[in-house]
Amino acid sequence: MISPGTIRVGLTGGIASGKSTVSELLKQLGAVVVDTDKIAREIVQPESEALQRILERYKQEVLNPDGTLRRDRLAKIIFDNPEEKKWLEQILHPLIRQRAEELARSAVEDGAAVVVYDIPLLFESGWDNMVDVVWTVFVSPEIQRTRLRTRDGLSDAEISARLNSQWPIVKKAERSEVVINNEGSLAETKHQVENAWKVLQEFKNLTDGKGR
């Protein structure tokens, strides 16, 4: 249920579904986007507490020569071992959520009409309880596999590990109020986003008393 004031949208999707495209379109429409992937990169900068915890566990094998985190090597570790993935999430997720809430609160205080939480693992992490409405960016699992193979050069085993680490995209779509099908052209995706945005604005007007 959408409440009066700032509308909080949870934007999610599966890996390689094109969520960043929809996020950018929402920015162009005037939404404030809280990008948790960006936050995740920020909290593991050199000298950060999170990076120190990671280095204590995995040593120098996950470190670039310039002292930054080697994300591809860390990804391989956690996707090959569910227990390591769980450990890392226990370290990072509370920090990411804290920073996301800080940014969202600041946006609300500045009078933002819509704040979008861009969260790949929205349902998996239980963060759907912090938003008013959930949008899922959808493509078929077959397209996900094709994109991961051509875009990232991953093997079939690596692709399966990444897909299995998330809820099936169909399940996410079933749990969402809005589903953006991103299997077509950019123009088609943009049209869907604009239509969903229009509905969102109409709901906001009603809850604010402007549509009566």
N, C-alpha and C. Protein backbone atom coordinates (compact mmCIF):
# COMPACT_ATOMS: atom_id res chain seq x y z
N MET A 1 0.85 -1.20 0.00
CA MET A 1 0.00 0.00 0.00
C MET A 1 0.88 1.25 0.00
N ILE A 2 0.58 2.18 -0.88
CA ILE A 2 1.35 3.41 -0.98
C ILE A 2 0.84 4.42 0.04
N SER A 3 1.73 4.91 0.85
CA SER A 3 1.36 5.84 1.90
C SER A 3 1.62 7.28 1.46
N PRO A 4 1.00 8.26 2.15
CA PRO A 4 1.23 9.67 1.80
C PRO A 4 2.70 10.04 1.93
N GLY A 5 3.10 11.07 1.21
CA GLY A 5 4.48 11.52 1.26
C GLY A 5 5.30 10.89 0.17
N THR A 6 6.58 10.74 0.43
CA THR A 6 7.49 10.15 -0.55
C THR A 6 7.15 8.68 -0.80
N ILE A 7 7.08 8.30 -2.06
CA ILE A 7 6.85 6.90 -2.43
C ILE A 7 8.20 6.20 -2.52
N ARG A 8 8.29 5.05 -1.88
CA ARG A 8 9.52 4.26 -1.91
C ARG A 8 9.29 3.05 -2.82
N VAL A 9 10.07 2.99 -3.88
CA VAL A 9 9.98 1.91 -4.85
C VAL A 9 11.17 0.99 -4.70
N GLY A 10 10.93 -0.31 -4.62
CA GLY A 10 12.01 -1.28 -4.65
C GLY A 10 12.19 -1.78 -6.07
N LEU A 11 13.33 -1.53 -6.65
CA LEU A 11 13.62 -1.97 -8.02
C LEU A 11 14.57 -3.16 -7.97
N THR A 12 14.13 -4.27 -8.54
CA THR A 12 14.96 -5.47 -8.51
C THR A 12 14.87 -6.19 -9.84
N GLY A 13 15.49 -7.34 -9.90
CA GLY A 13 15.51 -8.13 -11.13
C GLY A 13 16.55 -9.21 -10.99
N GLY A 14 16.69 -10.02 -12.00
CA GLY A 14 17.72 -11.04 -11.99
C GLY A 14 19.01 -10.51 -12.59
N ILE A 15 20.07 -11.25 -12.40
CA ILE A 15 21.35 -10.87 -12.99
C ILE A 15 21.21 -10.82 -14.51
N ALA A 16 21.75 -9.77 -15.12
CA ALA A 16 21.71 -9.57 -16.57
C ALA A 16 20.30 -9.32 -17.10
N SER A 17 19.42 -8.82 -16.24
CA SER A 17 18.06 -8.51 -16.69
C SER A 17 17.93 -7.09 -17.24
N GLY A 18 18.95 -6.25 -17.01
CA GLY A 18 18.89 -4.88 -17.51
C GLY A 18 18.31 -3.90 -16.51
N LYS A 19 18.47 -4.21 -15.23
CA LYS A 19 17.94 -3.36 -14.18
C LYS A 19 18.55 -1.97 -14.21
N SER A 20 19.83 -1.87 -14.54
CA SER A 20 20.49 -0.56 -14.57
C SER A 20 19.88 0.34 -15.64
N THR A 21 19.40 -0.25 -16.72
CA THR A 21 18.73 0.53 -17.77
C THR A 21 17.46 1.18 -17.22
N VAL A 22 16.67 0.39 -16.50
CA VAL A 22 15.43 0.91 -15.93
C VAL A 22 15.73 1.93 -14.85
N SER A 23 16.76 1.69 -14.07
CA SER A 23 17.17 2.65 -13.04
C SER A 23 17.50 4.00 -13.66
N GLU A 24 18.23 3.99 -14.77
CA GLU A 24 18.60 5.24 -15.44
C GLU A 24 17.37 5.94 -16.00
N LEU A 25 16.43 5.19 -16.53
CA LEU A 25 15.19 5.78 -17.04
C LEU A 25 14.40 6.44 -15.91
N LEU A 26 14.39 5.83 -14.74
CA LEU A 26 13.69 6.40 -13.59
C LEU A 26 14.35 7.69 -13.13
N LYS A 27 15.68 7.73 -13.17
CA LYS A 27 16.38 8.98 -12.84
C LYS A 27 15.95 10.09 -13.79
N GLN A 28 15.85 9.76 -15.07
CA GLN A 28 15.46 10.76 -16.06
C GLN A 28 14.04 11.27 -15.83
N LEU A 29 13.21 10.44 -15.23
CA LEU A 29 11.83 10.84 -14.93
C LEU A 29 11.71 11.63 -13.63
N GLY A 30 12.79 11.69 -12.87
CA GLY A 30 12.78 12.50 -11.66
C GLY A 30 12.90 11.75 -10.35
N ALA A 31 13.07 10.44 -10.42
CA ALA A 31 13.22 9.68 -9.18
C ALA A 31 14.62 9.85 -8.61
N VAL A 32 14.72 9.80 -7.29
CA VAL A 32 16.01 9.71 -6.61
C VAL A 32 16.32 8.23 -6.47
N VAL A 33 17.44 7.79 -7.01
CA VAL A 33 17.79 6.37 -6.98
C VAL A 33 18.90 6.11 -5.96
N VAL A 34 18.62 5.20 -5.04
CA VAL A 34 19.62 4.74 -4.08
C VAL A 34 20.17 3.42 -4.62
N ASP A 35 21.37 3.45 -5.15
CA ASP A 35 21.98 2.32 -5.84
C ASP A 35 22.81 1.49 -4.86
N THR A 36 22.29 0.33 -4.48
CA THR A 36 23.00 -0.47 -3.48
C THR A 36 24.26 -1.13 -4.05
N ASP A 37 24.32 -1.34 -5.36
CA ASP A 37 25.56 -1.85 -5.94
C ASP A 37 26.68 -0.82 -5.78
N LYS A 38 26.33 0.44 -6.00
CA LYS A 38 27.31 1.51 -5.83
C LYS A 38 27.75 1.60 -4.37
N ILE A 39 26.79 1.49 -3.46
CA ILE A 39 27.11 1.52 -2.03
C ILE A 39 28.04 0.35 -1.68
N ALA A 40 27.75 -0.83 -2.25
CA ALA A 40 28.57 -2.01 -1.97
C ALA A 40 30.02 -1.80 -2.38
N ARG A 41 30.23 -1.06 -3.47
CA ARG A 41 31.60 -0.76 -3.90
C ARG A 41 32.25 0.26 -2.98
N GLU A 42 31.46 1.22 -2.52
CA GLU A 42 32.01 2.28 -1.67
C GLU A 42 32.47 1.76 -0.32
N ILE A 43 31.73 0.80 0.25
CA ILE A 43 32.05 0.36 1.61
C ILE A 43 33.24 -0.58 1.68
N VAL A 44 33.77 -0.97 0.51
CA VAL A 44 34.96 -1.82 0.52
C VAL A 44 36.16 -1.10 -0.08
N GLN A 45 36.14 0.22 -0.01
CA GLN A 45 37.29 0.99 -0.47
C GLN A 45 38.50 0.71 0.43
N PRO A 46 39.73 0.98 -0.08
CA PRO A 46 40.93 0.76 0.74
C PRO A 46 40.82 1.45 2.10
N GLU A 47 41.29 0.76 3.11
CA GLU A 47 41.29 1.22 4.50
C GLU A 47 39.93 1.08 5.19
N SER A 48 38.91 0.65 4.46
CA SER A 48 37.60 0.50 5.09
C SER A 48 37.59 -0.72 6.01
N GLU A 49 36.70 -0.67 7.00
CA GLU A 49 36.58 -1.80 7.94
C GLU A 49 36.15 -3.07 7.22
N ALA A 50 35.23 -2.90 6.27
CA ALA A 50 34.72 -4.08 5.55
C ALA A 50 35.84 -4.76 4.76
N LEU A 51 36.67 -3.96 4.09
CA LEU A 51 37.76 -4.56 3.32
C LEU A 51 38.76 -5.25 4.24
N GLN A 52 39.01 -4.68 5.39
CA GLN A 52 39.94 -5.31 6.33
C GLN A 52 39.41 -6.68 6.78
N ARG A 53 38.10 -6.76 7.01
CA ARG A 53 37.50 -8.05 7.39
C ARG A 53 37.65 -9.08 6.27
N ILE A 54 37.45 -8.62 5.04
CA ILE A 54 37.58 -9.50 3.88
C ILE A 54 39.01 -10.00 3.73
N LEU A 55 39.99 -9.10 3.93
CA LEU A 55 41.39 -9.47 3.79
C LEU A 55 41.83 -10.44 4.89
N GLU A 56 41.25 -10.28 6.07
CA GLU A 56 41.58 -11.20 7.16
C GLU A 56 41.18 -12.63 6.80
N ARG A 57 40.13 -12.75 6.01
CA ARG A 57 39.62 -14.09 5.66
C ARG A 57 40.28 -14.65 4.40
N TYR A 58 40.46 -13.79 3.40
CA TYR A 58 40.92 -14.29 2.10
C TYR A 58 42.34 -13.85 1.73
N LYS A 59 42.96 -13.05 2.59
CA LYS A 59 44.34 -12.59 2.39
C LYS A 59 44.48 -11.79 1.09
N GLN A 60 45.68 -11.77 0.56
CA GLN A 60 46.01 -10.90 -0.57
C GLN A 60 45.45 -11.39 -1.90
N GLU A 61 44.88 -12.59 -1.92
CA GLU A 61 44.40 -13.11 -3.20
C GLU A 61 43.21 -12.33 -3.76
N VAL A 62 42.57 -11.53 -2.93
CA VAL A 62 41.43 -10.75 -3.42
C VAL A 62 41.77 -9.26 -3.51
N LEU A 63 43.07 -8.96 -3.57
CA LEU A 63 43.49 -7.57 -3.59
C LEU A 63 44.22 -7.25 -4.89
N ASN A 64 43.87 -6.11 -5.49
CA ASN A 64 44.59 -5.60 -6.65
C ASN A 64 45.89 -4.95 -6.20
N PRO A 65 46.86 -4.75 -7.12
CA PRO A 65 48.12 -4.10 -6.75
C PRO A 65 47.94 -2.70 -6.16
N ASP A 66 46.86 -2.01 -6.54
CA ASP A 66 46.66 -0.65 -6.03
C ASP A 66 45.92 -0.62 -4.69
N GLY A 67 45.68 -1.80 -4.11
CA GLY A 67 45.05 -1.86 -2.79
C GLY A 67 43.54 -1.94 -2.82
N THR A 68 42.94 -1.96 -4.01
CA THR A 68 41.49 -2.07 -4.11
C THR A 68 41.08 -3.54 -4.16
N LEU A 69 39.83 -3.78 -3.90
CA LEU A 69 39.30 -5.14 -3.88
C LEU A 69 39.23 -5.70 -5.30
N ARG A 70 39.71 -6.89 -5.48
CA ARG A 70 39.58 -7.58 -6.76
C ARG A 70 38.25 -8.31 -6.77
N ARG A 71 37.24 -7.67 -7.31
CA ARG A 71 35.87 -8.15 -7.19
C ARG A 71 35.64 -9.44 -7.97
N ASP A 72 36.32 -9.62 -9.10
CA ASP A 72 36.10 -10.83 -9.88
C ASP A 72 36.58 -12.07 -9.12
N ARG A 73 37.69 -11.93 -8.42
CA ARG A 73 38.23 -13.08 -7.67
C ARG A 73 37.36 -13.36 -6.44
N LEU A 74 36.90 -12.32 -5.78
CA LEU A 74 36.00 -12.53 -4.64
C LEU A 74 34.70 -13.18 -5.10
N ALA A 75 34.19 -12.74 -6.26
CA ALA A 75 32.96 -13.31 -6.80
C ALA A 75 33.12 -14.81 -7.03
N LYS A 76 34.25 -15.20 -7.57
CA LYS A 76 34.47 -16.63 -7.82
C LYS A 76 34.47 -17.42 -6.52
N ILE A 77 35.07 -16.86 -5.48
CA ILE A 77 35.11 -17.55 -4.18
C ILE A 77 33.71 -17.76 -3.64
N ILE A 78 32.91 -16.71 -3.64
CA ILE A 78 31.61 -16.81 -2.98
C ILE A 78 30.60 -17.60 -3.82
N PHE A 79 30.71 -17.53 -5.14
CA PHE A 79 29.76 -18.28 -5.96
C PHE A 79 30.11 -19.76 -6.01
N ASP A 80 31.33 -20.10 -5.70
CA ASP A 80 31.73 -21.51 -5.63
C ASP A 80 31.44 -22.12 -4.26
N ASN A 81 31.13 -21.27 -3.27
CA ASN A 81 30.94 -21.76 -1.91
C ASN A 81 29.83 -20.98 -1.21
N PRO A 82 28.64 -21.56 -1.08
CA PRO A 82 27.51 -20.86 -0.45
C PRO A 82 27.79 -20.37 0.96
N GLU A 83 28.62 -21.11 1.70
CA GLU A 83 28.92 -20.67 3.07
C GLU A 83 29.75 -19.39 3.07
N GLU A 84 30.65 -19.27 2.10
CA GLU A 84 31.44 -18.04 2.00
C GLU A 84 30.56 -16.87 1.56
N LYS A 85 29.63 -17.14 0.69
CA LYS A 85 28.68 -16.10 0.25
C LYS A 85 27.86 -15.61 1.45
N LYS A 86 27.41 -16.54 2.27
CA LYS A 86 26.63 -16.18 3.44
C LYS A 86 27.46 -15.33 4.40
N TRP A 87 28.72 -15.73 4.60
CA TRP A 87 29.60 -14.96 5.49
C TRP A 87 29.76 -13.53 4.99
N LEU A 88 30.01 -13.38 3.69
CA LEU A 88 30.23 -12.05 3.13
C LEU A 88 28.98 -11.19 3.26
N GLU A 89 27.82 -11.78 3.01
CA GLU A 89 26.57 -11.02 3.12
C GLU A 89 26.33 -10.55 4.55
N GLN A 90 26.71 -11.36 5.52
CA GLN A 90 26.55 -10.96 6.92
C GLN A 90 27.41 -9.76 7.26
N ILE A 91 28.55 -9.63 6.57
CA ILE A 91 29.43 -8.49 6.78
C ILE A 91 28.90 -7.25 6.06
N LEU A 92 28.52 -7.42 4.81
CA LEU A 92 28.22 -6.27 3.95
C LEU A 92 26.78 -5.77 4.04
N HIS A 93 25.82 -6.67 4.14
CA HIS A 93 24.42 -6.24 4.05
C HIS A 93 24.00 -5.22 5.11
N PRO A 94 24.38 -5.40 6.37
CA PRO A 94 23.99 -4.37 7.36
C PRO A 94 24.58 -3.00 7.02
N LEU A 95 25.82 -2.97 6.52
CA LEU A 95 26.46 -1.71 6.16
C LEU A 95 25.77 -1.08 4.95
N ILE A 96 25.42 -1.91 3.99
CA ILE A 96 24.73 -1.40 2.80
C ILE A 96 23.37 -0.85 3.17
N ARG A 97 22.65 -1.59 3.99
CA ARG A 97 21.30 -1.14 4.37
C ARG A 97 21.36 0.17 5.15
N GLN A 98 22.32 0.27 6.07
CA GLN A 98 22.46 1.49 6.86
C GLN A 98 22.69 2.70 5.96
N ARG A 99 23.61 2.54 4.99
CA ARG A 99 23.91 3.65 4.09
C ARG A 99 22.74 3.95 3.17
N ALA A 100 22.04 2.92 2.70
CA ALA A 100 20.88 3.12 1.83
C ALA A 100 19.79 3.90 2.56
N GLU A 101 19.57 3.57 3.82
CA GLU A 101 18.55 4.27 4.58
C GLU A 101 18.95 5.71 4.86
N GLU A 102 20.24 5.94 5.06
CA GLU A 102 20.72 7.32 5.25
C GLU A 102 20.45 8.16 4.00
N LEU A 103 20.77 7.60 2.84
CA LEU A 103 20.57 8.33 1.59
C LEU A 103 19.09 8.56 1.31
N ALA A 104 18.27 7.55 1.59
CA ALA A 104 16.84 7.71 1.37
C ALA A 104 16.24 8.74 2.31
N ARG A 105 16.67 8.71 3.57
CA ARG A 105 16.17 9.68 4.54
C ARG A 105 16.54 11.10 4.13
N SER A 106 17.75 11.27 3.63
CA SER A 106 18.17 12.59 3.17
C SER A 106 17.33 13.05 2.00
N ALA A 107 17.00 12.12 1.08
CA ALA A 107 16.17 12.47 -0.07
C ALA A 107 14.77 12.87 0.36
N VAL A 108 14.23 12.14 1.33
CA VAL A 108 12.90 12.46 1.85
C VAL A 108 12.90 13.84 2.49
N GLU A 109 13.93 14.13 3.28
CA GLU A 109 14.03 15.44 3.93
C GLU A 109 14.15 16.57 2.91
N ASP A 110 14.72 16.25 1.75
CA ASP A 110 14.85 17.25 0.68
C ASP A 110 13.60 17.36 -0.17
N GLY A 111 12.57 16.56 0.18
CA GLY A 111 11.30 16.66 -0.50
C GLY A 111 11.14 15.79 -1.73
N ALA A 112 11.94 14.72 -1.86
CA ALA A 112 11.84 13.84 -3.02
C ALA A 112 10.45 13.22 -3.10
N ALA A 113 9.87 13.22 -4.28
CA ALA A 113 8.54 12.63 -4.46
C ALA A 113 8.62 11.11 -4.54
N VAL A 114 9.69 10.60 -5.18
CA VAL A 114 9.87 9.15 -5.34
C VAL A 114 11.32 8.80 -5.06
N VAL A 115 11.53 7.83 -4.17
CA VAL A 115 12.87 7.29 -3.92
C VAL A 115 12.86 5.84 -4.38
N VAL A 116 13.80 5.50 -5.23
CA VAL A 116 13.92 4.13 -5.74
C VAL A 116 15.11 3.45 -5.07
N TYR A 117 14.85 2.33 -4.40
CA TYR A 117 15.93 1.50 -3.87
C TYR A 117 16.27 0.48 -4.95
N ASP A 118 17.43 0.63 -5.57
CA ASP A 118 17.90 -0.29 -6.60
C ASP A 118 18.65 -1.42 -5.90
N ILE A 119 17.97 -2.57 -5.73
CA ILE A 119 18.50 -3.65 -4.89
C ILE A 119 18.38 -4.99 -5.62
N PRO A 120 19.48 -5.53 -6.13
CA PRO A 120 19.41 -6.81 -6.84
C PRO A 120 18.80 -7.94 -6.00
N LEU A 121 19.17 -8.01 -4.72
CA LEU A 121 18.69 -9.08 -3.85
C LEU A 121 17.60 -8.59 -2.91
N LEU A 122 16.68 -7.84 -3.43
CA LEU A 122 15.61 -7.23 -2.62
C LEU A 122 14.84 -8.28 -1.82
N PHE A 123 14.32 -9.29 -2.52
CA PHE A 123 13.52 -10.31 -1.84
C PHE A 123 14.41 -11.23 -1.01
N GLU A 124 15.55 -11.62 -1.57
CA GLU A 124 16.43 -12.55 -0.87
C GLU A 124 16.90 -11.99 0.46
N SER A 125 17.06 -10.67 0.53
CA SER A 125 17.57 -10.03 1.74
C SER A 125 16.46 -9.53 2.67
N GLY A 126 15.21 -9.71 2.25
CA GLY A 126 14.08 -9.25 3.06
C GLY A 126 13.90 -7.75 3.06
N TRP A 127 14.47 -7.06 2.07
CA TRP A 127 14.37 -5.61 2.01
C TRP A 127 13.07 -5.14 1.36
N ASP A 128 12.24 -6.07 0.91
CA ASP A 128 10.96 -5.66 0.32
C ASP A 128 10.05 -5.04 1.37
N ASN A 129 10.36 -5.24 2.67
CA ASN A 129 9.52 -4.67 3.72
C ASN A 129 9.80 -3.18 3.96
N MET A 130 10.80 -2.61 3.25
CA MET A 130 11.12 -1.21 3.45
C MET A 130 10.63 -0.32 2.31
N VAL A 131 9.82 -0.91 1.40
CA VAL A 131 9.33 -0.14 0.26
C VAL A 131 7.81 -0.24 0.18
N ASP A 132 7.23 0.68 -0.59
CA ASP A 132 5.78 0.69 -0.79
C ASP A 132 5.34 -0.17 -1.95
N VAL A 133 6.19 -0.28 -2.95
CA VAL A 133 5.84 -1.02 -4.16
C VAL A 133 7.12 -1.60 -4.75
N VAL A 134 7.02 -2.77 -5.36
CA VAL A 134 8.18 -3.44 -5.94
C VAL A 134 8.03 -3.52 -7.46
N TRP A 135 9.09 -3.11 -8.15
CA TRP A 135 9.19 -3.27 -9.60
C TRP A 135 10.26 -4.32 -9.87
N THR A 136 9.96 -5.29 -10.73
CA THR A 136 10.95 -6.27 -11.16
C THR A 136 11.20 -6.11 -12.66
N VAL A 137 12.46 -6.05 -13.02
CA VAL A 137 12.86 -6.03 -14.42
C VAL A 137 13.04 -7.48 -14.85
N PHE A 138 12.29 -7.88 -15.87
CA PHE A 138 12.20 -9.30 -16.24
C PHE A 138 12.77 -9.59 -17.61
N VAL A 139 13.56 -10.64 -17.68
CA VAL A 139 13.87 -11.33 -18.94
C VAL A 139 13.85 -12.82 -18.63
N SER A 140 13.70 -13.64 -19.63
CA SER A 140 13.64 -15.08 -19.40
C SER A 140 15.01 -15.60 -18.93
N PRO A 141 15.02 -16.71 -18.21
CA PRO A 141 16.29 -17.31 -17.80
C PRO A 141 17.20 -17.61 -18.99
N GLU A 142 16.61 -17.95 -20.12
CA GLU A 142 17.41 -18.24 -21.32
C GLU A 142 18.16 -16.99 -21.77
N ILE A 143 17.49 -15.85 -21.73
CA ILE A 143 18.14 -14.59 -22.11
C ILE A 143 19.20 -14.22 -21.08
N GLN A 144 18.92 -14.44 -19.81
CA GLN A 144 19.94 -14.20 -18.78
C GLN A 144 21.21 -14.97 -19.09
N ARG A 145 21.04 -16.25 -19.42
CA ARG A 145 22.20 -17.09 -19.72
C ARG A 145 22.97 -16.58 -20.93
N THR A 146 22.23 -16.21 -21.97
CA THR A 146 22.88 -15.73 -23.18
C THR A 146 23.66 -14.45 -22.91
N ARG A 147 23.06 -13.53 -22.16
CA ARG A 147 23.73 -12.26 -21.85
C ARG A 147 24.97 -12.49 -21.00
N LEU A 148 24.89 -13.37 -20.02
CA LEU A 148 26.04 -13.64 -19.17
C LEU A 148 27.17 -14.30 -19.95
N ARG A 149 26.79 -15.13 -20.91
CA ARG A 149 27.81 -15.81 -21.71
C ARG A 149 28.51 -14.84 -22.65
N THR A 150 27.73 -13.97 -23.30
CA THR A 150 28.33 -13.05 -24.28
C THR A 150 28.91 -11.81 -23.62
N ARG A 151 28.26 -11.30 -22.58
CA ARG A 151 28.71 -10.07 -21.93
C ARG A 151 29.90 -10.30 -21.02
N ASP A 152 29.83 -11.36 -20.21
CA ASP A 152 30.85 -11.58 -19.18
C ASP A 152 31.78 -12.75 -19.50
N GLY A 153 31.48 -13.49 -20.55
CA GLY A 153 32.34 -14.61 -20.92
C GLY A 153 32.35 -15.73 -19.90
N LEU A 154 31.24 -15.92 -19.20
CA LEU A 154 31.19 -16.94 -18.15
C LEU A 154 30.91 -18.33 -18.75
N SER A 155 31.40 -19.34 -18.07
CA SER A 155 31.11 -20.72 -18.46
C SER A 155 29.70 -21.08 -18.01
N ASP A 156 29.18 -22.20 -18.51
CA ASP A 156 27.85 -22.64 -18.11
C ASP A 156 27.78 -22.89 -16.60
N ALA A 157 28.84 -23.45 -16.05
CA ALA A 157 28.86 -23.72 -14.60
C ALA A 157 28.84 -22.41 -13.81
N GLU A 158 29.60 -21.43 -14.26
CA GLU A 158 29.64 -20.13 -13.57
C GLU A 158 28.29 -19.43 -13.68
N ILE A 159 27.67 -19.53 -14.83
CA ILE A 159 26.35 -18.92 -15.01
C ILE A 159 25.34 -19.57 -14.07
N SER A 160 25.35 -20.88 -14.00
CA SER A 160 24.41 -21.59 -13.12
C SER A 160 24.62 -21.20 -11.66
N ALA A 161 25.88 -21.05 -11.26
CA ALA A 161 26.18 -20.67 -9.88
C ALA A 161 25.59 -19.30 -9.57
N ARG A 162 25.71 -18.37 -10.49
CA ARG A 162 25.18 -17.02 -10.26
C ARG A 162 23.66 -17.01 -10.26
N LEU A 163 23.06 -17.73 -11.18
CA LEU A 163 21.60 -17.77 -11.22
C LEU A 163 21.03 -18.47 -9.98
N ASN A 164 21.70 -19.52 -9.54
CA ASN A 164 21.22 -20.27 -8.38
C ASN A 164 21.40 -19.50 -7.08
N SER A 165 22.21 -18.45 -7.10
CA SER A 165 22.43 -17.65 -5.89
C SER A 165 21.30 -16.65 -5.67
N GLN A 166 20.40 -16.52 -6.64
CA GLN A 166 19.28 -15.59 -6.55
C GLN A 166 17.96 -16.36 -6.67
N TRP A 167 16.89 -15.69 -6.23
CA TRP A 167 15.57 -16.25 -6.51
C TRP A 167 15.39 -16.33 -8.02
N PRO A 168 14.65 -17.34 -8.51
CA PRO A 168 14.31 -17.36 -9.94
C PRO A 168 13.58 -16.07 -10.31
N ILE A 169 13.90 -15.53 -11.46
CA ILE A 169 13.34 -14.24 -11.85
C ILE A 169 11.82 -14.30 -11.98
N VAL A 170 11.30 -15.47 -12.34
CA VAL A 170 9.84 -15.64 -12.44
C VAL A 170 9.19 -15.47 -11.06
N LYS A 171 9.84 -16.00 -10.03
CA LYS A 171 9.32 -15.87 -8.67
C LYS A 171 9.32 -14.42 -8.23
N LYS A 172 10.37 -13.66 -8.59
CA LYS A 172 10.42 -12.25 -8.25
C LYS A 172 9.28 -11.50 -8.93
N ALA A 173 9.05 -11.82 -10.20
CA ALA A 173 7.98 -11.15 -10.94
C ALA A 173 6.62 -11.41 -10.31
N GLU A 174 6.41 -12.63 -9.85
CA GLU A 174 5.14 -12.99 -9.24
C GLU A 174 4.87 -12.22 -7.94
N ARG A 175 5.93 -11.82 -7.26
CA ARG A 175 5.81 -11.13 -5.98
C ARG A 175 5.80 -9.60 -6.14
N SER A 176 5.80 -9.10 -7.37
CA SER A 176 5.95 -7.67 -7.62
C SER A 176 4.66 -7.03 -8.10
N GLU A 177 4.51 -5.75 -7.77
CA GLU A 177 3.36 -4.99 -8.24
C GLU A 177 3.52 -4.57 -9.71
N VAL A 178 4.76 -4.35 -10.12
CA VAL A 178 5.05 -3.92 -11.49
C VAL A 178 6.14 -4.81 -12.06
N VAL A 179 5.93 -5.27 -13.30
CA VAL A 179 6.94 -6.07 -14.00
C VAL A 179 7.27 -5.36 -15.31
N ILE A 180 8.54 -5.04 -15.49
CA ILE A 180 9.02 -4.41 -16.72
C ILE A 180 9.70 -5.49 -17.55
N ASN A 181 9.10 -5.82 -18.69
CA ASN A 181 9.70 -6.82 -19.57
C ASN A 181 10.79 -6.17 -20.41
N ASN A 182 12.02 -6.61 -20.20
CA ASN A 182 13.16 -5.99 -20.86
C ASN A 182 13.76 -6.90 -21.94
N GLU A 183 12.90 -7.68 -22.58
CA GLU A 183 13.38 -8.57 -23.63
C GLU A 183 13.38 -7.90 -25.00
N GLY A 184 12.71 -6.77 -25.12
CA GLY A 184 12.59 -6.09 -26.41
C GLY A 184 13.58 -4.96 -26.57
N SER A 185 13.17 -3.95 -27.31
CA SER A 185 14.04 -2.81 -27.58
C SER A 185 14.04 -1.84 -26.40
N LEU A 186 14.99 -0.92 -26.43
CA LEU A 186 15.05 0.11 -25.41
C LEU A 186 13.79 0.96 -25.44
N ALA A 187 13.28 1.24 -26.63
CA ALA A 187 12.05 2.04 -26.75
C ALA A 187 10.88 1.34 -26.08
N GLU A 188 10.81 0.02 -26.22
CA GLU A 188 9.71 -0.74 -25.60
C GLU A 188 9.84 -0.73 -24.08
N THR A 189 11.06 -0.86 -23.60
CA THR A 189 11.28 -0.80 -22.15
C THR A 189 10.93 0.59 -21.62
N LYS A 190 11.37 1.60 -22.33
CA LYS A 190 11.10 2.99 -21.91
C LYS A 190 9.59 3.24 -21.85
N HIS A 191 8.85 2.73 -22.80
CA HIS A 191 7.39 2.91 -22.83
C HIS A 191 6.76 2.29 -21.58
N GLN A 192 7.20 1.09 -21.22
CA GLN A 192 6.66 0.43 -20.02
C GLN A 192 6.99 1.22 -18.76
N VAL A 193 8.22 1.70 -18.67
CA VAL A 193 8.64 2.46 -17.49
C VAL A 193 7.82 3.74 -17.37
N GLU A 194 7.62 4.43 -18.47
CA GLU A 194 6.86 5.68 -18.46
C GLU A 194 5.41 5.44 -18.06
N ASN A 195 4.82 4.34 -18.54
CA ASN A 195 3.44 4.01 -18.16
C ASN A 195 3.34 3.68 -16.67
N ALA A 196 4.30 2.89 -16.17
CA ALA A 196 4.29 2.55 -14.74
C ALA A 196 4.53 3.79 -13.89
N TRP A 197 5.38 4.68 -14.36
CA TRP A 197 5.65 5.93 -13.66
C TRP A 197 4.38 6.78 -13.58
N LYS A 198 3.64 6.82 -14.67
CA LYS A 198 2.40 7.60 -14.70
C LYS A 198 1.41 7.07 -13.67
N VAL A 199 1.28 5.76 -13.59
CA VAL A 199 0.39 5.15 -12.59
C VAL A 199 0.86 5.50 -11.19
N LEU A 200 2.17 5.46 -10.98
CA LEU A 200 2.73 5.79 -9.68
C LEU A 200 2.38 7.22 -9.28
N GLN A 201 2.49 8.14 -10.23
CA GLN A 201 2.15 9.53 -9.95
C GLN A 201 0.67 9.70 -9.64
N GLU A 202 -0.17 8.95 -10.33
CA GLU A 202 -1.62 9.02 -10.07
C GLU A 202 -1.94 8.54 -8.66
N PHE A 203 -1.28 7.45 -8.23
CA PHE A 203 -1.47 6.96 -6.87
C PHE A 203 -1.00 8.01 -5.86
N LYS A 204 0.14 8.63 -6.17
CA LYS A 204 0.66 9.64 -5.24
C LYS A 204 -0.31 10.80 -5.11
N ASN A 205 -0.87 11.23 -6.23
CA ASN A 205 -1.84 12.33 -6.18
C ASN A 205 -3.05 11.97 -5.34
N LEU A 206 -3.50 10.73 -5.47
CA LEU A 206 -4.67 10.28 -4.68
C LEU A 206 -4.34 10.23 -3.20
N THR A 207 -3.16 9.67 -2.85
CA THR A 207 -2.81 9.56 -1.44
C THR A 207 -2.48 10.89 -0.81
N ASP A 208 -2.05 11.85 -1.65
CA ASP A 208 -1.79 13.20 -1.15
C ASP A 208 -3.03 14.06 -1.12
N GLY A 209 -4.14 13.50 -1.62
CA GLY A 209 -5.38 14.27 -1.64
C GLY A 209 -5.53 15.19 -2.82
N LYS A 210 -4.63 15.07 -3.81
CA LYS A 210 -4.68 15.98 -4.95
C LYS A 210 -5.62 15.47 -6.05
N GLY A 211 -5.98 14.20 -5.96
CA GLY A 211 -6.79 13.66 -7.03
C GLY A 211 -8.26 13.60 -6.69
N ARG A 212 -8.64 14.15 -5.56
CA ARG A 212 -10.04 14.09 -5.16
C ARG A 212 -10.80 15.31 -5.64
